[in-house]
Protein backbone atom coordinates (compact mmCIF):
# COMPACT_ATOMS: atom_id res chain seq x y z
CA MET A 1 -46.52 -126.82 36.25
CA GLN A 2 -45.81 -130.35 35.06
CA LEU A 3 -42.29 -131.74 34.87
CA GLU A 4 -41.21 -134.97 33.22
CA ILE A 5 -39.39 -137.28 35.61
CA ASN A 6 -37.34 -140.38 34.80
CA VAL A 7 -36.17 -142.81 37.48
CA ILE A 8 -33.16 -144.90 36.50
CA ASP A 9 -31.37 -147.77 38.26
CA ALA A 10 -27.67 -147.01 37.75
CA PHE A 11 -24.57 -149.23 37.85
CA THR A 12 -26.63 -152.32 37.08
CA ASP A 13 -28.24 -154.12 34.16
CA THR A 14 -30.97 -155.54 36.41
CA LEU A 15 -34.09 -153.70 37.52
CA PHE A 16 -34.32 -153.07 41.29
CA LYS A 17 -30.55 -153.35 41.67
CA GLY A 18 -27.86 -150.67 41.61
CA ASN A 19 -28.75 -147.17 42.80
CA SER A 20 -31.88 -145.28 41.78
CA ALA A 21 -31.77 -141.67 40.67
CA ALA A 22 -34.45 -139.33 39.41
CA VAL A 23 -33.67 -137.10 36.41
CA ILE A 24 -35.58 -133.89 35.68
CA ILE A 25 -34.75 -131.67 32.67
CA THR A 26 -35.99 -128.08 32.70
CA ASP A 27 -35.60 -125.04 30.45
CA SER A 28 -34.29 -122.94 33.35
CA TRP A 29 -33.43 -123.58 36.98
CA LEU A 30 -36.20 -124.13 39.44
CA SER A 31 -35.74 -122.43 42.80
CA ASP A 32 -33.34 -124.14 45.21
CA ASP A 33 -36.18 -124.70 47.69
CA LEU A 34 -38.35 -126.37 45.05
CA MET A 35 -35.54 -128.65 43.84
CA GLN A 36 -34.82 -129.66 47.43
CA SER A 37 -38.52 -130.31 48.08
CA ILE A 38 -38.78 -132.48 44.97
CA ALA A 39 -35.71 -134.47 46.03
CA MET A 40 -37.18 -134.92 49.50
CA GLU A 41 -40.49 -136.08 48.03
CA ASN A 42 -38.73 -138.50 45.66
CA ASN A 43 -36.75 -139.90 48.62
CA LEU A 44 -34.09 -141.43 46.38
CA SER A 45 -30.36 -141.19 46.92
CA GLU A 46 -30.29 -138.31 44.43
CA THR A 47 -32.44 -136.31 42.11
CA ALA A 48 -30.50 -134.71 39.24
CA PHE A 49 -31.70 -131.48 37.63
CA LEU A 50 -30.47 -130.59 34.13
CA VAL A 51 -30.61 -127.36 32.15
CA ALA A 52 -29.24 -127.19 28.59
CA ASP A 53 -26.26 -124.87 28.16
CA GLU A 54 -27.06 -122.28 25.49
CA SER A 55 -23.95 -120.13 25.91
CA ASP A 56 -22.13 -121.59 22.90
CA VAL A 57 -24.93 -121.45 20.36
CA SER A 58 -23.69 -118.22 18.83
CA ASP A 59 -20.29 -119.60 17.90
CA ASN A 60 -21.58 -123.15 17.32
CA LYS A 61 -19.41 -124.87 19.93
CA ASP A 62 -20.56 -128.21 21.35
CA GLN A 63 -23.92 -127.84 19.61
CA SER A 64 -23.61 -130.47 16.88
CA ASP A 65 -26.01 -133.39 16.67
CA GLU A 66 -23.31 -135.53 18.28
CA VAL A 67 -22.48 -133.35 21.32
CA ALA A 68 -24.76 -131.82 23.96
CA THR A 69 -23.86 -129.69 26.96
CA TYR A 70 -25.95 -129.48 30.13
CA HIS A 71 -25.58 -127.85 33.51
CA ILE A 72 -26.24 -130.39 36.27
CA ARG A 73 -27.09 -130.19 39.96
CA TRP A 74 -27.68 -133.04 42.40
CA PHE A 75 -29.91 -133.12 45.48
CA SER A 76 -30.22 -135.83 48.11
CA PRO A 77 -33.33 -135.84 50.32
CA LEU A 78 -31.32 -133.80 52.84
CA THR A 79 -29.16 -131.35 50.89
CA GLU A 80 -27.56 -130.36 47.59
CA ILE A 81 -24.57 -132.57 46.77
CA ASP A 82 -21.34 -131.30 45.21
CA PHE A 83 -20.74 -134.40 43.08
CA CYS A 84 -22.79 -137.52 42.33
CA GLY A 85 -21.70 -140.30 39.99
CA HIS A 86 -24.75 -142.54 39.77
CA ALA A 87 -27.13 -139.65 39.05
CA THR A 88 -24.72 -138.45 36.34
CA LEU A 89 -24.90 -141.92 34.81
CA ALA A 90 -28.69 -141.85 35.08
CA SER A 91 -28.83 -138.41 33.46
CA ALA A 92 -26.63 -139.50 30.56
CA PHE A 93 -28.77 -142.62 30.11
CA VAL A 94 -31.90 -140.45 29.75
CA LEU A 95 -30.24 -138.04 27.30
CA PHE A 96 -28.72 -140.78 25.15
CA ASN A 97 -32.13 -142.46 24.94
CA LYS A 98 -33.86 -139.21 24.01
CA ASN A 99 -31.32 -138.46 21.28
CA PRO A 100 -29.66 -141.58 19.81
CA SER A 101 -27.42 -139.43 17.58
CA LEU A 102 -25.52 -138.14 20.61
CA THR A 103 -21.99 -139.44 21.01
CA THR A 104 -20.83 -137.17 23.85
CA ILE A 105 -22.53 -135.33 26.69
CA LYS A 106 -20.74 -132.64 28.66
CA PHE A 107 -22.07 -131.88 32.12
CA LEU A 108 -21.10 -128.61 33.77
CA ALA A 109 -21.01 -128.77 37.57
CA LYS A 110 -19.92 -125.96 39.87
CA ALA A 111 -17.80 -128.07 42.25
CA VAL A 112 -16.13 -130.47 39.79
CA GLY A 113 -16.02 -128.63 36.47
CA THR A 114 -16.77 -130.26 33.13
CA LEU A 115 -17.63 -133.97 33.13
CA SER A 116 -17.48 -135.67 29.73
CA VAL A 117 -19.64 -138.76 29.16
CA ILE A 118 -19.71 -141.22 26.25
CA GLN A 119 -21.27 -144.56 25.37
CA THR A 120 -18.76 -147.35 24.85
CA ASP A 121 -18.98 -150.05 22.19
CA SER A 122 -20.20 -152.45 24.88
CA GLY A 123 -23.17 -150.19 25.60
CA LYS A 124 -21.90 -149.02 28.97
CA ILE A 125 -21.83 -145.33 29.80
CA GLN A 126 -18.32 -144.04 30.60
CA MET A 127 -17.85 -140.91 32.71
CA ASN A 128 -14.63 -138.90 32.86
CA PHE A 129 -14.23 -137.72 36.45
CA PRO A 130 -11.49 -135.95 38.42
CA ASN A 131 -9.05 -138.13 40.39
CA THR A 132 -9.76 -137.58 44.10
CA LYS A 133 -7.20 -139.98 45.57
CA PRO A 134 -7.29 -139.78 49.39
CA GLU A 135 -4.33 -139.21 51.70
CA LYS A 136 -3.48 -141.34 54.73
CA VAL A 137 -4.75 -140.11 58.10
CA ASP A 138 -2.36 -140.42 61.03
CA SER A 139 -4.79 -139.26 63.71
CA ILE A 140 -8.11 -141.10 63.35
CA PRO A 141 -11.12 -139.10 64.62
CA GLU A 142 -12.75 -140.54 67.72
CA SER A 143 -16.18 -140.31 66.08
CA LEU A 144 -14.98 -142.59 63.29
CA LEU A 145 -13.65 -145.19 65.72
CA ALA A 146 -16.76 -145.01 67.91
CA GLY A 147 -19.16 -145.02 64.95
CA LEU A 148 -17.98 -148.33 63.47
CA SER A 149 -18.28 -151.72 65.14
CA ILE A 150 -14.95 -152.92 63.65
CA ALA A 151 -11.72 -150.97 64.10
CA PRO A 152 -10.01 -149.77 60.90
CA VAL A 153 -6.67 -151.19 59.76
CA GLU A 154 -5.85 -147.90 58.00
CA VAL A 155 -7.75 -144.70 57.33
CA TYR A 156 -7.46 -142.29 54.40
CA ARG A 157 -9.31 -139.08 53.64
CA ASN A 158 -10.25 -136.84 50.73
CA ALA A 159 -12.68 -133.91 50.45
CA GLN A 160 -15.67 -136.28 50.39
CA ALA A 161 -15.12 -139.01 52.96
CA TYR A 162 -12.96 -141.06 55.29
CA PHE A 163 -11.72 -144.28 53.65
CA VAL A 164 -11.59 -147.17 56.12
CA ILE A 165 -9.41 -150.09 55.03
CA TYR A 166 -10.26 -153.56 56.32
CA ASP A 167 -8.36 -156.82 55.91
CA SER A 168 -11.32 -159.04 55.08
CA GLU A 169 -14.56 -159.07 53.14
CA SER A 170 -16.38 -160.25 56.26
CA ASP A 171 -15.43 -157.00 58.00
CA VAL A 172 -16.75 -154.89 55.13
CA LEU A 173 -19.95 -156.92 54.86
CA SER A 174 -20.72 -157.21 58.59
CA VAL A 175 -19.60 -153.85 60.02
CA ASP A 176 -22.33 -151.99 61.88
CA ARG A 177 -22.39 -148.23 62.22
CA ASP A 178 -23.90 -145.67 64.55
CA ASN A 179 -25.34 -143.02 62.26
CA GLU A 180 -25.62 -140.41 65.00
CA VAL A 181 -21.95 -140.78 65.85
CA LEU A 182 -20.78 -140.83 62.22
CA GLU A 183 -22.87 -137.74 61.55
CA GLN A 184 -20.43 -135.86 63.79
CA LEU A 185 -17.86 -136.24 60.99
CA ALA A 186 -19.93 -133.90 58.78
CA PRO A 187 -19.46 -132.76 56.11
CA LEU A 188 -17.45 -135.94 55.47
CA ASP A 189 -18.97 -139.38 54.95
CA VAL A 190 -17.44 -142.86 55.44
CA VAL A 191 -16.53 -145.62 53.00
CA VAL A 192 -15.31 -149.04 54.14
CA THR A 193 -13.35 -151.16 51.68
CA CYS A 194 -11.07 -154.16 51.22
CA LYS A 195 -9.40 -156.18 48.50
CA ALA A 196 -11.73 -158.77 46.95
CA GLN A 197 -10.66 -162.23 48.08
CA SER A 198 -13.36 -164.89 48.15
CA GLU A 199 -15.00 -166.97 45.44
CA ASN A 200 -18.13 -164.83 45.78
CA PHE A 201 -16.21 -161.74 44.65
CA ASN A 202 -13.34 -163.26 42.66
CA LYS A 203 -14.12 -161.31 39.48
CA TYR A 204 -13.71 -157.99 41.31
CA ASP A 205 -10.58 -156.19 42.46
CA PHE A 206 -12.09 -154.54 45.54
CA ILE A 207 -15.41 -154.13 47.32
CA SER A 208 -16.84 -151.33 49.42
CA ARG A 209 -19.83 -149.93 51.33
CA TYR A 210 -20.67 -146.24 51.75
CA PHE A 211 -22.30 -144.56 54.75
CA TRP A 212 -23.49 -140.95 54.52
CA PRO A 213 -25.67 -139.98 57.49
CA ALA A 214 -24.56 -136.34 57.25
CA ASN A 215 -25.53 -135.88 53.60
CA GLY A 216 -28.00 -138.53 52.52
CA GLY A 217 -29.31 -140.67 55.33
CA GLY A 218 -27.93 -144.16 55.92
CA GLU A 219 -26.14 -146.45 53.46
CA ASP A 220 -25.91 -145.44 49.82
CA PRO A 221 -26.54 -148.38 47.47
CA VAL A 222 -23.89 -147.51 44.85
CA THR A 223 -21.69 -144.40 44.87
CA GLY A 224 -19.92 -143.36 41.69
CA SER A 225 -18.24 -140.30 43.19
CA ILE A 226 -16.46 -142.21 45.95
CA HIS A 227 -14.84 -144.47 43.36
CA THR A 228 -12.88 -141.47 42.07
CA GLY A 229 -11.01 -141.91 45.36
CA LEU A 230 -11.28 -145.67 45.76
CA ALA A 231 -9.98 -146.48 42.27
CA PRO A 232 -6.67 -144.58 42.55
CA LEU A 233 -6.21 -145.85 46.11
CA TRP A 234 -6.58 -149.48 45.04
CA ALA A 235 -4.72 -148.92 41.75
CA GLU A 236 -1.67 -147.98 43.79
CA ARG A 237 -2.10 -150.83 46.29
CA LEU A 238 -2.74 -153.48 43.64
CA GLY A 239 -0.41 -152.15 40.91
CA ASN A 240 -3.16 -152.05 38.32
CA ASN A 241 -4.89 -149.01 36.80
CA GLU A 242 -7.85 -150.97 35.40
CA LEU A 243 -10.13 -152.20 38.16
CA LEU A 244 -13.55 -153.80 38.54
CA ALA A 245 -15.33 -152.74 41.72
CA TYR A 246 -18.39 -154.00 43.55
CA GLN A 247 -20.33 -151.92 46.05
CA ALA A 248 -21.74 -154.49 48.46
CA SER A 249 -24.98 -152.88 49.57
CA SER A 250 -28.24 -154.82 49.69
CA ARG A 251 -28.92 -153.75 46.07
CA GLY A 252 -25.31 -154.03 44.87
CA GLY A 253 -23.61 -152.32 41.95
CA ILE A 254 -20.72 -152.86 39.52
CA LEU A 255 -18.30 -150.15 38.42
CA ASP A 256 -15.54 -150.39 35.79
CA CYS A 257 -12.73 -148.02 36.80
CA VAL A 258 -9.69 -146.84 34.87
CA VAL A 259 -7.17 -144.46 36.44
CA VAL A 260 -5.52 -142.15 33.90
CA ASN A 261 -3.25 -139.59 35.57
CA ASP A 262 -5.48 -136.92 37.14
CA ARG A 263 -8.71 -138.48 35.83
CA VAL A 264 -10.73 -141.57 36.66
CA LEU A 265 -12.94 -143.15 34.01
CA ILE A 266 -15.94 -144.87 35.58
CA SER A 267 -18.31 -146.96 33.47
CA GLY A 268 -21.55 -148.73 34.20
CA ASN A 269 -24.89 -149.93 32.92
CA ALA A 270 -28.31 -148.49 33.67
CA VAL A 271 -31.94 -149.53 33.29
CA GLN A 272 -35.17 -147.55 33.13
CA TYR A 273 -37.61 -147.94 36.00
CA LEU A 274 -40.11 -145.12 35.56
CA THR A 275 -41.14 -142.32 33.21
CA GLY A 276 -43.87 -139.93 34.29
CA PHE A 277 -44.85 -136.42 35.29
CA ILE A 278 -44.89 -134.55 38.56
CA THR A 279 -47.11 -131.54 39.23
CA VAL A 280 -45.64 -128.68 41.26
């Protein structure tokens, strides 16, 4: 069996930057073991699998030339992921390119419900995600303290990760981590973040880095899902619901974030790296 595969660099307009995701569209679901094996072989942060939703054809809902509905699942090299932003962006990029008449894509995901995606006038892809604002943690886990080389100023938590607040960009950029120790926080990951301050980052509101040894490996280049927690956290701290974020990995990525009540709109660019076929 041959499957078309597209590899997209997400949250960037520059090849070899942002975060890479593979996108595979099939008529029906492959087995879980096969999808996990493909993701492991790809060895990217995520591989997204899409299957068109045919349930509304009979009553003609969401089946116009302008709207398409797909079920989506995301796999890291280690495990299936509940929610992935950059692979959603990559998937939308592939679908919009395959069908230029599309104006809206609806992704159906078991853990996070319906995710609506559009293309903005600027050409960016905007994703409508749930607001996952974290809550402050009073008792910081010992594994979190021991796993980071710089002590947190504050710590927050949501269903995805611990949010470590630092005072300075240098702390965010230079912090070392012990993956084996942080893995003890599973199933939660760790994001470190601070307000943008220096000339190097003066066009951004905040910066971050994301570590996920329990679910993906080491450091994730750019993480759309974690910004559904970061954006409302910084919106409250900065008094501004429209924020520009930079994820300061070695590849780097830029995310436009807008907090609207219980939703977070996250927008970004994407570029094509590869189109091909895999044989399984």
